């Protein structure tokens, strides 16, 4: 799907217009993004790619993620939104991952340059390196050297140092690029599973000064303390890039990912963190990664992903 048209097979929902009151759903207010948009308005963009998952020896199928999430977004009530702009998809052709990431970065920089607040649907977590390229291009165009917080809700550090890049390397690529350019960066990974990360990855996280919290300390009983942690991170940043690897959620909530989590972080905790970051006024872009419809069960994962996307898109 490109920016000039909407996939009507995805953007469809029941019509309750015969009922009283506001019955609009997102499918009724979606429009193709065509250089329009008001300052701060959310714009949806897809990254149809799982080349990075394939390189990382994962279960492929996340390229269908953007369409799968849109399908469930379509039927959600609009509430305060008067329109939703959809900028279509950046697609990865074969194994041309670096090309797709560069095109994603260029598209995001363009949208942000017009004042939009992009919400990107993946796609594997290789999306993160493309998303960050977009943020960096936008900051460079403004001559803005403000401190950047990359906040990753994820069971994995994704700090692998091997190349070429994959879904397991994006935050190492971000850290290396920021160091080379002298950009002030804080990487924080919340929801890390000790069983999904080797000692080498913990060592790399420590080496770059990352902040992390493991999944066993991210349960609902820890929510107040974790929100305080997030507030502390936000206070030190001028710009925030929020990325949510959906495999941070328990497998029962999110079965449709390459690596389902046997423990995971509850949806309630993830959502409250998302809302806290959004309310800060420092969120410049956000993305959702790793949704794989091929392994979903009765739409459970798609519904969870759509709920988080709705929270990010809402006014």
C-alpha atoms as a PDB file:
ATOM      1  CA  UNK A   1       0.000   0.000   0.000  1.00  0.00           C
ATOM      2  CA  UNK A   2       1.332   3.436  -0.857  1.00  0.00           C
ATOM      3  CA  UNK A   3       0.375   6.886   0.372  1.00  0.00           C
ATOM      4  CA  UNK A   4      -2.000   7.589  -2.500  1.00  0.00           C
ATOM      5  CA  UNK A   5      -4.526   4.904  -1.633  1.00  0.00           C
ATOM      6  CA  UNK A   6      -6.001   2.999   1.278  1.00  0.00           C
ATOM      7  CA  UNK A   7      -6.471  -0.736   1.386  1.00  0.00           C
ATOM      8  CA  UNK A   8     -10.243  -0.991   1.664  1.00  0.00           C
ATOM      9  CA  UNK A   9      -9.974  -4.685   2.511  1.00  0.00           C
ATOM     10  CA  UNK A  10      -8.202  -3.623   5.723  1.00  0.00           C
ATOM     11  CA  UNK A  11      -9.891  -0.321   6.557  1.00  0.00           C
ATOM     12  CA  UNK A  12     -13.475  -1.494   7.005  1.00  0.00           C
ATOM     13  CA  UNK A  13     -15.752  -1.580  10.025  1.00  0.00           C
ATOM     14  CA  UNK A  14     -19.398  -1.918  10.959  1.00  0.00           C
ATOM     15  CA  UNK A  15     -21.647   1.068  10.300  1.00  0.00           C
ATOM     16  CA  UNK A  16     -23.736   2.151  13.285  1.00  0.00           C
ATOM     17  CA  UNK A  17     -24.728   5.514  11.821  1.00  0.00           C
ATOM     18  CA  UNK A  18     -28.410   4.690  12.343  1.00  0.00           C
ATOM     19  CA  UNK A  19     -27.777   4.810  16.095  1.00  0.00           C
ATOM     20  CA  UNK A  20     -27.785   7.986  18.174  1.00  0.00           C
ATOM     21  CA  UNK A  21     -24.585   9.848  18.978  1.00  0.00           C
ATOM     22  CA  UNK A  22     -21.059   9.515  17.651  1.00  0.00           C
ATOM     23  CA  UNK A  23     -20.653   6.023  16.193  1.00  0.00           C
ATOM     24  CA  UNK A  24     -17.556   6.641  14.076  1.00  0.00           C
ATOM     25  CA  UNK A  25     -14.780   4.089  14.004  1.00  0.00           C
ATOM     26  CA  UNK A  26     -11.248   4.572  12.709  1.00  0.00           C
ATOM     27  CA  UNK A  27     -12.185   3.065   9.343  1.00  0.00           C
ATOM     28  CA  UNK A  28     -14.688   5.916   8.928  1.00  0.00           C
ATOM     29  CA  UNK A  29     -12.190   8.716   9.532  1.00  0.00           C
ATOM     30  CA  UNK A  30      -9.009   7.363   7.921  1.00  0.00           C
ATOM     31  CA  UNK A  31      -7.554   9.367   5.041  1.00  0.00           C
ATOM     32  CA  UNK A  32      -4.426   8.905   2.913  1.00  0.00           C
ATOM     33  CA  UNK A  33      -1.611  11.131   4.085  1.00  0.00           C
ATOM     34  CA  UNK A  34      -0.734  13.409   1.204  1.00  0.00           C
ATOM     35  CA  UNK A  35       1.439  16.184   2.552  1.00  0.00           C
ATOM     36  CA  UNK A  36      -1.269  17.293   4.934  1.00  0.00           C
ATOM     37  CA  UNK A  37      -1.483  17.192   8.690  1.00  0.00           C
ATOM     38  CA  UNK A  38      -1.491  19.611  11.580  1.00  0.00           C
ATOM     39  CA  UNK A  39       1.335  20.205  14.039  1.00  0.00           C
ATOM     40  CA  UNK A  40       1.538  17.287  16.453  1.00  0.00           C
ATOM     41  CA  UNK A  41      -1.032  15.195  14.591  1.00  0.00           C
ATOM     42  CA  UNK A  42      -0.427  11.459  14.649  1.00  0.00           C
ATOM     43  CA  UNK A  43       0.299   9.788  11.310  1.00  0.00           C
ATOM     44  CA  UNK A  44       0.283   6.038  10.792  1.00  0.00           C
ATOM     45  CA  UNK A  45       3.066   4.426   8.753  1.00  0.00           C
ATOM     46  CA  UNK A  46       3.827   0.766   8.114  1.00  0.00           C
ATOM     47  CA  UNK A  47       7.161  -1.019   7.789  1.00  0.00           C
ATOM     48  CA  UNK A  48       6.418  -4.260   5.953  1.00  0.00           C
ATOM     49  CA  UNK A  49       9.637  -6.123   6.623  1.00  0.00           C
ATOM     50  CA  UNK A  50      10.955  -9.228   8.298  1.00  0.00           C
ATOM     51  CA  UNK A  51      14.319  -9.524   6.558  1.00  0.00           C
ATOM     52  CA  UNK A  52      15.951  -8.706   9.882  1.00  0.00           C
ATOM     53  CA  UNK A  53      14.028 -11.495  11.612  1.00  0.00           C
ATOM     54  CA  UNK A  54      15.195 -13.915   8.932  1.00  0.00           C
ATOM     55  CA  UNK A  55      18.803 -12.802   9.405  1.00  0.00           C
ATOM     56  CA  UNK A  56      18.373 -13.272  13.148  1.00  0.00           C
ATOM     57  CA  UNK A  57      17.174 -16.855  12.617  1.00  0.00           C
ATOM     58  CA  UNK A  58      13.658 -16.036  13.801  1.00  0.00           C
ATOM     59  CA  UNK A  59      10.192 -17.009  12.585  1.00  0.00           C
ATOM     60  CA  UNK A  60       9.365 -14.903   9.540  1.00  0.00           C
ATOM     61  CA  UNK A  61       5.976 -13.375   8.794  1.00  0.00           C
ATOM     62  CA  UNK A  62       6.190  -9.961  10.463  1.00  0.00           C
ATOM     63  CA  UNK A  63       6.080  -8.253   7.063  1.00  0.00           C
ATOM     64  CA  UNK A  64       2.318  -8.850   7.246  1.00  0.00           C
ATOM     65  CA  UNK A  65       2.186  -7.141  10.639  1.00  0.00           C
ATOM     66  CA  UNK A  66       1.151  -3.636   9.508  1.00  0.00           C
ATOM     67  CA  UNK A  67      -1.888  -4.929   7.631  1.00  0.00           C
ATOM     68  CA  UNK A  68      -2.767  -7.258  10.491  1.00  0.00           C
ATOM     69  CA  UNK A  69      -2.757  -4.433  13.044  1.00  0.00           C
ATOM     70  CA  UNK A  70      -4.622  -2.035  10.738  1.00  0.00           C
ATOM     71  CA  UNK A  71      -7.402  -4.617  10.350  1.00  0.00           C
ATOM     72  CA  UNK A  72      -8.135  -4.466  14.066  1.00  0.00           C
ATOM     73  CA  UNK A  73      -7.518  -0.727  14.370  1.00  0.00           C
ATOM     74  CA  UNK A  74     -10.184  -0.175  11.727  1.00  0.00           C
ATOM     75  CA  UNK A  75     -13.013  -1.258  13.998  1.00  0.00           C
ATOM     76  CA  UNK A  76     -11.975   0.716  17.083  1.00  0.00           C
ATOM     77  CA  UNK A  77     -14.107   3.753  17.997  1.00  0.00           C
ATOM     78  CA  UNK A  78     -12.685   7.125  17.007  1.00  0.00           C
ATOM     79  CA  UNK A  79     -13.609   8.959  20.217  1.00  0.00           C
ATOM     80  CA  UNK A  80     -11.692  12.288  20.162  1.00  0.00           C
ATOM     81  CA  UNK A  81     -10.086  11.775  16.759  1.00  0.00           C
ATOM     82  CA  UNK A  82     -11.634  13.644  13.843  1.00  0.00           C
ATOM     83  CA  UNK A  83      -9.383  12.004  11.258  1.00  0.00           C
ATOM     84  CA  UNK A  84      -6.571   9.487  10.996  1.00  0.00           C
ATOM     85  CA  UNK A  85      -3.851   9.941   8.396  1.00  0.00           C
ATOM     86  CA  UNK A  86      -2.321   6.784   6.944  1.00  0.00           C
ATOM     87  CA  UNK A  87       0.973   7.221   5.088  1.00  0.00           C
ATOM     88  CA  UNK A  88       1.004   3.682   3.705  1.00  0.00           C
ATOM     89  CA  UNK A  89       3.886   1.236   3.976  1.00  0.00           C
ATOM     90  CA  UNK A  90       7.614   1.212   3.434  1.00  0.00           C
ATOM     91  CA  UNK A  91       8.255  -2.258   2.039  1.00  0.00           C
ATOM     92  CA  UNK A  92      11.396  -4.362   2.166  1.00  0.00           C
ATOM     93  CA  UNK A  93      12.114  -6.251  -1.033  1.00  0.00           C
ATOM     94  CA  UNK A  94      13.838  -9.581  -0.431  1.00  0.00           C
ATOM     95  CA  UNK A  95      16.935  -9.170   1.736  1.00  0.00           C
ATOM     96  CA  UNK A  96      17.443  -5.465   0.943  1.00  0.00           C
ATOM     97  CA  UNK A  97      17.098  -4.533   4.595  1.00  0.00           C
ATOM     98  CA  UNK A  98      19.493  -1.592   4.684  1.00  0.00           C
ATOM     99  CA  UNK A  99      17.723  -0.006   1.725  1.00  0.00           C
ATOM    100  CA  UNK A 100      14.341  -0.398   3.435  1.00  0.00           C
ATOM    101  CA  UNK A 101      15.666   1.054   6.708  1.00  0.00           C
ATOM    102  CA  UNK A 102      17.098   4.052   4.877  1.00  0.00           C
ATOM    103  CA  UNK A 103      13.797   4.648   3.076  1.00  0.00           C
ATOM    104  CA  UNK A 104      11.940   4.380   6.375  1.00  0.00           C
ATOM    105  CA  UNK A 105      14.268   6.958   7.900  1.00  0.00           C
ATOM    106  CA  UNK A 106      13.807   9.342   4.995  1.00  0.00           C
ATOM    107  CA  UNK A 107      10.015   8.998   5.141  1.00  0.00           C
ATOM    108  CA  UNK A 108       9.937   9.591   8.888  1.00  0.00           C
ATOM    109  CA  UNK A 109      12.197  12.636   8.639  1.00  0.00           C
ATOM    110  CA  UNK A 110       9.850  14.023   5.999  1.00  0.00           C
ATOM    111  CA  UNK A 111       6.767  13.466   8.168  1.00  0.00           C
ATOM    112  CA  UNK A 112       8.402  14.888  11.282  1.00  0.00           C
ATOM    113  CA  UNK A 113       9.651  17.852   9.303  1.00  0.00           C
ATOM    114  CA  UNK A 114       6.015  18.719   8.611  1.00  0.00           C
ATOM    115  CA  UNK A 115       5.196  18.529  12.304  1.00  0.00           C
ATOM    116  CA  UNK A 116       3.672  15.048  12.350  1.00  0.00           C
ATOM    117  CA  UNK A 117       3.991  12.575  15.212  1.00  0.00           C
ATOM    118  CA  UNK A 118       4.553   9.232  13.457  1.00  0.00           C
ATOM    119  CA  UNK A 119       3.344   5.909  14.814  1.00  0.00           C
ATOM    120  CA  UNK A 120       4.997   3.098  12.858  1.00  0.00           C
ATOM    121  CA  UNK A 121       3.719  -0.467  12.617  1.00  0.00           C
ATOM    122  CA  UNK A 122       6.228  -3.260  11.997  1.00  0.00           C
ATOM    123  CA  UNK A 123       7.640  -5.462  10.846  1.00  0.00           C
ATOM    124  CA  UNK A 124      10.514  -6.990  12.791  1.00  0.00           C
ATOM    125  CA  UNK A 125      12.506  -5.024  15.347  1.00  0.00           C
ATOM    126  CA  UNK A 126      14.948  -4.066  12.636  1.00  0.00           C
ATOM    127  CA  UNK A 127      12.407  -1.240  12.355  1.00  0.00           C
ATOM    128  CA  UNK A 128      14.260   0.469  15.221  1.00  0.00           C
ATOM    129  CA  UNK A 129      17.380   1.283  13.215  1.00  0.00           C
ATOM    130  CA  UNK A 130      15.250   2.785  10.449  1.00  0.00           C
ATOM    131  CA  UNK A 131      13.103   4.729  12.911  1.00  0.00           C
ATOM    132  CA  UNK A 132      16.146   6.144  14.667  1.00  0.00           C
ATOM    133  CA  UNK A 133      17.642   7.216  11.340  1.00  0.00           C
ATOM    134  CA  UNK A 134      14.480   9.231  10.783  1.00  0.00           C
ATOM    135  CA  UNK A 135      14.706  10.889  14.182  1.00  0.00           C
ATOM    136  CA  UNK A 136      18.408  11.641  13.703  1.00  0.00           C
ATOM    137  CA  UNK A 137      17.799  13.177  10.258  1.00  0.00           C
ATOM    138  CA  UNK A 138      15.042  15.355  11.688  1.00  0.00           C
ATOM    139  CA  UNK A 139      17.210  16.522  14.577  1.00  0.00           C
ATOM    140  CA  UNK A 140      20.158  17.227  12.271  1.00  0.00           C
ATOM    141  CA  UNK A 141      17.960  19.282   9.937  1.00  0.00           C
ATOM    142  CA  UNK A 142      16.933  21.406  12.921  1.00  0.00           C
ATOM    143  CA  UNK A 143      20.471  21.680  14.267  1.00  0.00           C
ATOM    144  CA  UNK A 144      19.105  20.170  17.482  1.00  0.00           C
ATOM    145  CA  UNK A 145      21.648  18.488  19.750  1.00  0.00           C
ATOM    146  CA  UNK A 146      19.162  17.757  22.529  1.00  0.00           C
ATOM    147  CA  UNK A 147      19.529  14.594  24.595  1.00  0.00           C
ATOM    148  CA  UNK A 148      17.703  11.580  23.161  1.00  0.00           C
ATOM    149  CA  UNK A 149      16.059   8.810  25.150  1.00  0.00           C
ATOM    150  CA  UNK A 150      15.511   5.551  23.300  1.00  0.00           C
ATOM    151  CA  UNK A 151      12.996   3.686  25.453  1.00  0.00           C
ATOM    152  CA  UNK A 152      12.557   0.075  24.426  1.00  0.00           C
ATOM    153  CA  UNK A 153       9.876  -2.138  25.970  1.00  0.00           C
ATOM    154  CA  UNK A 154      11.293  -5.528  25.111  1.00  0.00           C
ATOM    155  CA  UNK A 155      12.254  -8.960  26.380  1.00  0.00           C
ATOM    156  CA  UNK A 156      15.527  -8.623  24.453  1.00  0.00           C
ATOM    157  CA  UNK A 157      18.332  -6.054  24.521  1.00  0.00           C
ATOM    158  CA  UNK A 158      18.790  -6.365  20.732  1.00  0.00           C
ATOM    159  CA  UNK A 159      22.407  -5.285  21.201  1.00  0.00           C
ATOM    160  CA  UNK A 160      24.100  -7.941  19.102  1.00  0.00           C
ATOM    161  CA  UNK A 161      27.359  -6.629  17.670  1.00  0.00           C
ATOM    162  CA  UNK A 162      27.544  -8.890  14.601  1.00  0.00           C
ATOM    163  CA  UNK A 163      26.968  -7.494  11.141  1.00  0.00           C
ATOM    164  CA  UNK A 164      25.183  -7.278   8.804  1.00  0.00           C
ATOM    165  CA  UNK A 165      22.357  -5.866  10.843  1.00  0.00           C
ATOM    166  CA  UNK A 166      19.318  -7.866  11.848  1.00  0.00           C
ATOM    167  CA  UNK A 167      16.369  -7.668  14.209  1.00  0.00           C
ATOM    168  CA  UNK A 168      18.873  -8.398  16.984  1.00  0.00           C
ATOM    169  CA  UNK A 169      21.276  -5.509  16.303  1.00  0.00           C
ATOM    170  CA  UNK A 170      19.341  -2.209  16.058  1.00  0.00           C
ATOM    171  CA  UNK A 171      20.208  -0.719  19.427  1.00  0.00           C
ATOM    172  CA  UNK A 172      23.873  -1.536  19.018  1.00  0.00           C
ATOM    173  CA  UNK A 173      23.705   0.229  15.652  1.00  0.00           C
ATOM    174  CA  UNK A 174      22.001   3.204  17.302  1.00  0.00           C
ATOM    175  CA  UNK A 175      24.577   3.327  20.112  1.00  0.00           C
ATOM    176  CA  UNK A 176      27.509   3.071  17.726  1.00  0.00           C
ATOM    177  CA  UNK A 177      26.113   5.755  15.425  1.00  0.00           C
ATOM    178  CA  UNK A 178      25.399   8.113  18.328  1.00  0.00           C
ATOM    179  CA  UNK A 179      28.892   7.648  19.745  1.00  0.00           C
ATOM    180  CA  UNK A 180      30.461   8.331  16.348  1.00  0.00           C
ATOM    181  CA  UNK A 181      28.409  11.509  15.925  1.00  0.00           C
ATOM    182  CA  UNK A 182      28.763  12.715  19.498  1.00  0.00           C
ATOM    183  CA  UNK A 183      25.003  12.570  20.052  1.00  0.00           C
ATOM    184  CA  UNK A 184      23.854  12.404  23.682  1.00  0.00           C
ATOM    185  CA  UNK A 185      21.891   9.170  23.981  1.00  0.00           C
ATOM    186  CA  UNK A 186      20.367   7.127  26.769  1.00  0.00           C
ATOM    187  CA  UNK A 187      19.203   3.622  25.929  1.00  0.00           C
ATOM    188  CA  UNK A 188      16.715   2.059  28.342  1.00  0.00           C
ATOM    189  CA  UNK A 189      15.291  -1.446  27.950  1.00  0.00           C
ATOM    190  CA  UNK A 190      12.364  -2.359  30.190  1.00  0.00           C
ATOM    191  CA  UNK A 191      11.125  -5.925  30.376  1.00  0.00           C
ATOM    192  CA  UNK A 192      14.384  -7.763  29.746  1.00  0.00           C
ATOM    193  CA  UNK A 193      14.185 -11.514  30.225  1.00  0.00           C
ATOM    194  CA  UNK A 194      17.303 -13.077  31.703  1.00  0.00           C
ATOM    195  CA  UNK A 195      16.394 -16.278  29.871  1.00  0.00           C
ATOM    196  CA  UNK A 196      16.371 -14.496  26.500  1.00  0.00           C
ATOM    197  CA  UNK A 197      19.717 -12.668  26.748  1.00  0.00           C
ATOM    198  CA  UNK A 198      23.235 -14.043  27.051  1.00  0.00           C
ATOM    199  CA  UNK A 199      25.830 -12.658  29.507  1.00  0.00           C
ATOM    200  CA  UNK A 200      27.511 -11.067  26.481  1.00  0.00           C
ATOM    201  CA  UNK A 201      24.402  -8.948  25.846  1.00  0.00           C
ATOM    202  CA  UNK A 202      24.245  -7.838  29.476  1.00  0.00           C
ATOM    203  CA  UNK A 203      27.905  -6.886  29.214  1.00  0.00           C
ATOM    204  CA  UNK A 204      27.286  -4.868  26.057  1.00  0.00           C
ATOM    205  CA  UNK A 205      24.367  -3.091  27.741  1.00  0.00           C
ATOM    206  CA  UNK A 206      26.613  -2.132  30.652  1.00  0.00           C
ATOM    207  CA  UNK A 207      29.355  -1.023  28.255  1.00  0.00           C
ATOM    208  CA  UNK A 208      27.105   1.539  26.559  1.00  0.00           C
ATOM    209  CA  UNK A 209      25.615   2.762  29.843  1.00  0.00           C
ATOM    210  CA  UNK A 210      22.170   1.305  29.200  1.00  0.00           C
ATOM    211  CA  UNK A 211      19.458   1.264  31.848  1.00  0.00           C
ATOM    212  CA  UNK A 212      17.407  -1.902  32.130  1.00  0.00           C
ATOM    213  CA  UNK A 213      14.780  -3.592  34.274  1.00  0.00           C
ATOM    214  CA  UNK A 214      14.063  -7.302  34.065  1.00  0.00           C
ATOM    215  CA  UNK A 215      10.591  -8.699  33.475  1.00  0.00           C
ATOM    216  CA  UNK A 216      10.252 -10.069  37.023  1.00  0.00           C
ATOM    217  CA  UNK A 217      10.468  -6.473  38.284  1.00  0.00           C
ATOM    218  CA  UNK A 218       7.938  -5.190  35.736  1.00  0.00           C
ATOM    219  CA  UNK A 219       4.770  -6.714  37.189  1.00  0.00           C
ATOM    220  CA  UNK A 220       1.708  -4.758  38.291  1.00  0.00           C
ATOM    221  CA  UNK A 221       2.914  -4.672  41.898  1.00  0.00           C
ATOM    222  CA  UNK A 222       5.972  -2.751  40.646  1.00  0.00           C
ATOM    223  CA  UNK A 223       4.064  -0.219  38.543  1.00  0.00           C
ATOM    224  CA  UNK A 224       4.462   2.815  40.809  1.00  0.00           C
ATOM    225  CA  UNK A 225       8.227   2.304  41.051  1.00  0.00           C
ATOM    226  CA  UNK A 226       8.571   1.726  37.304  1.00  0.00           C
ATOM    227  CA  UNK A 227       6.616   4.878  36.455  1.00  0.00           C
ATOM    228  CA  UNK A 228       8.944   6.790  38.774  1.00  0.00           C
ATOM    229  CA  UNK A 229      11.890   5.313  36.865  1.00  0.00           C
ATOM    230  CA  UNK A 230      10.339   6.408  33.571  1.00  0.00           C
ATOM    231  CA  UNK A 231       9.746   9.902  34.937  1.00  0.00           C
ATOM    232  CA  UNK A 232      13.426  10.105  35.869  1.00  0.00           C
ATOM    233  CA  UNK A 233      14.500   9.071  32.371  1.00  0.00           C
ATOM    234  CA  UNK A 234      12.088  11.524  30.765  1.00  0.00           C
ATOM    235  CA  UNK A 235      13.337  14.391  32.906  1.00  0.00           C
ATOM    236  CA  UNK A 236      16.843  14.033  31.457  1.00  0.00           C
ATOM    237  CA  UNK A 237      15.755  13.903  27.803  1.00  0.00           C
ATOM    238  CA  UNK A 238      14.630  16.478  25.291  1.00  0.00           C
ATOM    239  CA  UNK A 239      13.451  13.941  22.719  1.00  0.00           C
ATOM    240  CA  UNK A 240      12.021  10.446  23.155  1.00  0.00           C
ATOM    241  CA  UNK A 241      11.788   7.569  20.723  1.00  0.00           C
ATOM    242  CA  UNK A 242       9.508   4.857  22.132  1.00  0.00           C
ATOM    243  CA  UNK A 243       9.734   1.398  20.604  1.00  0.00           C
ATOM    244  CA  UNK A 244       7.617  -1.538  21.723  1.00  0.00           C
ATOM    245  CA  UNK A 245       8.667  -5.050  20.843  1.00  0.00           C
ATOM    246  CA  UNK A 246       5.399  -6.884  21.288  1.00  0.00           C
ATOM    247  CA  UNK A 247       7.216  -9.955  22.558  1.00  0.00           C
ATOM    248  CA  UNK A 248       7.550  -8.081  25.856  1.00  0.00           C
ATOM    249  CA  UNK A 249       3.936  -9.111  26.521  1.00  0.00           C
ATOM    250  CA  UNK A 250       3.094 -12.582  27.910  1.00  0.00           C
ATOM    251  CA  UNK A 251       2.560 -15.239  25.255  1.00  0.00           C
ATOM    252  CA  UNK A 252      -1.082 -15.627  26.292  1.00  0.00           C
ATOM    253  CA  UNK A 253      -1.672 -11.984  25.371  1.00  0.00           C
ATOM    254  CA  UNK A 254       0.740 -11.848  22.434  1.00  0.00           C
ATOM    255  CA  UNK A 255       1.197 -15.235  20.755  1.00  0.00           C
ATOM    256  CA  UNK A 256       1.838 -13.696  17.337  1.00  0.00           C
ATOM    257  CA  UNK A 257       5.547 -12.916  17.575  1.00  0.00           C
ATOM    258  CA  UNK A 258       8.768 -14.629  16.613  1.00  0.00           C
ATOM    259  CA  UNK A 259       9.720 -15.312  20.248  1.00  0.00           C
ATOM    260  CA  UNK A 260       6.673 -15.575  22.576  1.00  0.00           C
ATOM    261  CA  UNK A 261       7.389 -14.749  26.226  1.00  0.00           C
ATOM    262  CA  UNK A 262       6.577 -17.441  28.811  1.00  0.00           C
ATOM    263  CA  UNK A 263       6.577 -14.780  31.577  1.00  0.00           C
ATOM    264  CA  UNK A 264       6.459 -11.288  30.097  1.00  0.00           C
ATOM    265  CA  UNK A 265       5.233  -7.881  31.230  1.00  0.00           C
ATOM    266  CA  UNK A 266       1.476  -7.401  31.804  1.00  0.00           C
ATOM    267  CA  UNK A 267      -0.462  -5.337  29.295  1.00  0.00           C
ATOM    268  CA  UNK A 268      -1.563  -2.970  32.076  1.00  0.00           C
ATOM    269  CA  UNK A 269       2.064  -2.093  32.885  1.00  0.00           C
ATOM    270  CA  UNK A 270       3.057  -1.628  29.241  1.00  0.00           C
ATOM    271  CA  UNK A 271       0.062   0.610  28.564  1.00  0.00           C
ATOM    272  CA  UNK A 272       0.637   2.819  31.608  1.00  0.00           C
ATOM    273  CA  UNK A 273       4.251   3.375  30.556  1.00  0.00           C
ATOM    274  CA  UNK A 274       3.108   4.243  27.023  1.00  0.00           C
ATOM    275  CA  UNK A 275       0.628   6.771  28.390  1.00  0.00           C
ATOM    276  CA  UNK A 276       3.220   8.296  30.726  1.00  0.00           C
ATOM    277  CA  UNK A 277       5.694   8.770  27.872  1.00  0.00           C
ATOM    278  CA  UNK A 278       3.015  10.226  25.615  1.00  0.00           C
ATOM    279  CA  UNK A 279       1.900  12.672  28.311  1.00  0.00           C
ATOM    280  CA  UNK A 280       5.462  13.976  28.706  1.00  0.00           C
ATOM    281  CA  UNK A 281       5.227  16.056  25.526  1.00  0.00           C
ATOM    282  CA  UNK A 282       8.673  14.758  24.521  1.00  0.00           C
ATOM    283  CA  UNK A 283       7.581  11.799  22.398  1.00  0.00           C
ATOM    284  CA  UNK A 284       8.711  12.392  18.812  1.00  0.00           C
ATOM    285  CA  UNK A 285       7.895   9.004  17.297  1.00  0.00           C
ATOM    286  CA  UNK A 286       6.871   5.534  18.363  1.00  0.00           C
ATOM    287  CA  UNK A 287       6.739   2.130  16.768  1.00  0.00           C
ATOM    288  CA  UNK A 288       5.381  -1.361  17.417  1.00  0.00           C
ATOM    289  CA  UNK A 289       7.550  -4.265  16.312  1.00  0.00           C
ATOM    290  CA  UNK A 290       7.463  -8.016  15.726  1.00  0.00           C
ATOM    291  CA  UNK A 291       3.722  -8.649  15.284  1.00  0.00           C
ATOM    292  CA  UNK A 292       3.428 -11.785  13.151  1.00  0.00           C
ATOM    293  CA  UNK A 293      -0.148 -12.666  12.112  1.00  0.00           C
ATOM    294  CA  UNK A 294       1.035 -16.103  10.995  1.00  0.00           C
ATOM    295  CA  UNK A 295       1.393 -17.183  14.625  1.00  0.00           C
ATOM    296  CA  UNK A 296      -1.476 -15.243  16.172  1.00  0.00           C
ATOM    297  CA  UNK A 297      -4.329 -17.074  17.909  1.00  0.00           C
ATOM    298  CA  UNK A 298      -7.888 -15.896  17.224  1.00  0.00           C
ATOM    299  CA  UNK A 299      -6.657 -12.317  16.797  1.00  0.00           C
ATOM    300  CA  UNK A 300      -5.495 -12.040  20.424  1.00  0.00           C
ATOM    301  CA  UNK A 301      -2.153 -10.479  19.540  1.00  0.00           C
ATOM    302  CA  UNK A 302      -3.600  -8.241  16.841  1.00  0.00           C
ATOM    303  CA  UNK A 303      -6.132  -6.844  19.303  1.00  0.00           C
ATOM    304  CA  UNK A 304      -3.431  -6.141  21.882  1.00  0.00           C
ATOM    305  CA  UNK A 305      -1.237  -4.429  19.292  1.00  0.00           C
ATOM    306  CA  UNK A 306      -4.170  -2.393  18.001  1.00  0.00           C
ATOM    307  CA  UNK A 307      -5.008  -1.241  21.522  1.00  0.00           C
ATOM    308  CA  UNK A 308      -1.472   0.049  22.066  1.00  0.00           C
ATOM    309  CA  UNK A 309      -1.453   1.695  18.635  1.00  0.00           C
ATOM    310  CA  UNK A 310      -4.808   3.347  19.418  1.00  0.00           C
ATOM    311  CA  UNK A 311      -3.392   4.802  22.636  1.00  0.00           C
ATOM    312  CA  UNK A 312      -0.477   6.269  20.698  1.00  0.00           C
ATOM    313  CA  UNK A 313      -2.690   7.644  17.922  1.00  0.00           C
ATOM    314  CA  UNK A 314      -5.397   9.163  20.100  1.00  0.00           C
ATOM    315  CA  UNK A 315      -5.469  12.881  20.717  1.00  0.00           C
END
